Amino acid sequence: MLEADPAGGDLGIRLKPAEGALPASPTVATLAAATRELRPDLVGSFAATVSEGLAVIPGFLTREHGRGMAGLWDALATACAMADVDVVVDVGRYDSASPAAALVSRADAVALVLRADPASVVHARELARQLAASGSSVVQPVVVTRERDATTDRADVDLIFASAAVPVRSSLHIAWDPTAVRSIESCQSPRGRTLARTKLVRSAQTIIDGLASSGVEVSEGVAT
């Protein structure tokens, strides 16, 4: 998991490993600085393993902290594209002017995360249209919703996208499961028996299976 939100992120604060805190380095900024010497194992070598099946590279805290990455986003995208591990990148609230555009353009698939409310769906619809026009290969809408509402919410989202002739895959959902999120933040393994049975992890695996069915190559268990 690579946190690459140009506006800053909070992964380093939210994750609470047994040791007390994630180390201050490496981060996405130190990884970007190292891309002057590209190699397949570069991204993996910068990731901190916080539990079985969960390795992360935190982002910087604020937009100002990320200014030192100017000119390095393209190289970072190349490092991710050539990595010998699967890389899931969080680019935050995205638009075509984002410094993270290089990461999105090189991605095998783009998961467009949205809520089922009208404002979020319309914003996502227009972004999906832009992504499709720019040549993004697989655009996968992912609706954050309660499990009991998932079927209805996904159908509503698909109808809005289809009525606007936006070329995306049928939506999937990620379960709203705060308890499981807190367990992951405390660095329990998603592969553990307890978390693997949660709605959050099971819905995440469904997303990975859906991407794999579209031709995107993913490693076994990458959803965890």
Foldseek 3Di string as FASTA:
>chain_A
DAEAALFADCLQPLAQAPVGTDDPDDALLVLLVPLVPADQASVVVRWDQRAVLDTYHHHGHGNVVCPSCVPRLLSSLVNQLSHPAPDDYDHDPDDCPRSNVNNQQSDQEAEQEFELDPVRLVVSLVRLQVCVVSPRPAYEYEYEEAPVCFVVSQVSSVVVNVVVPRDHDRYAYAYPDVVLVSVVSHPDDCPDPVNVPDSRLVSLVVVVVVSVVVVDDHDPPNSD
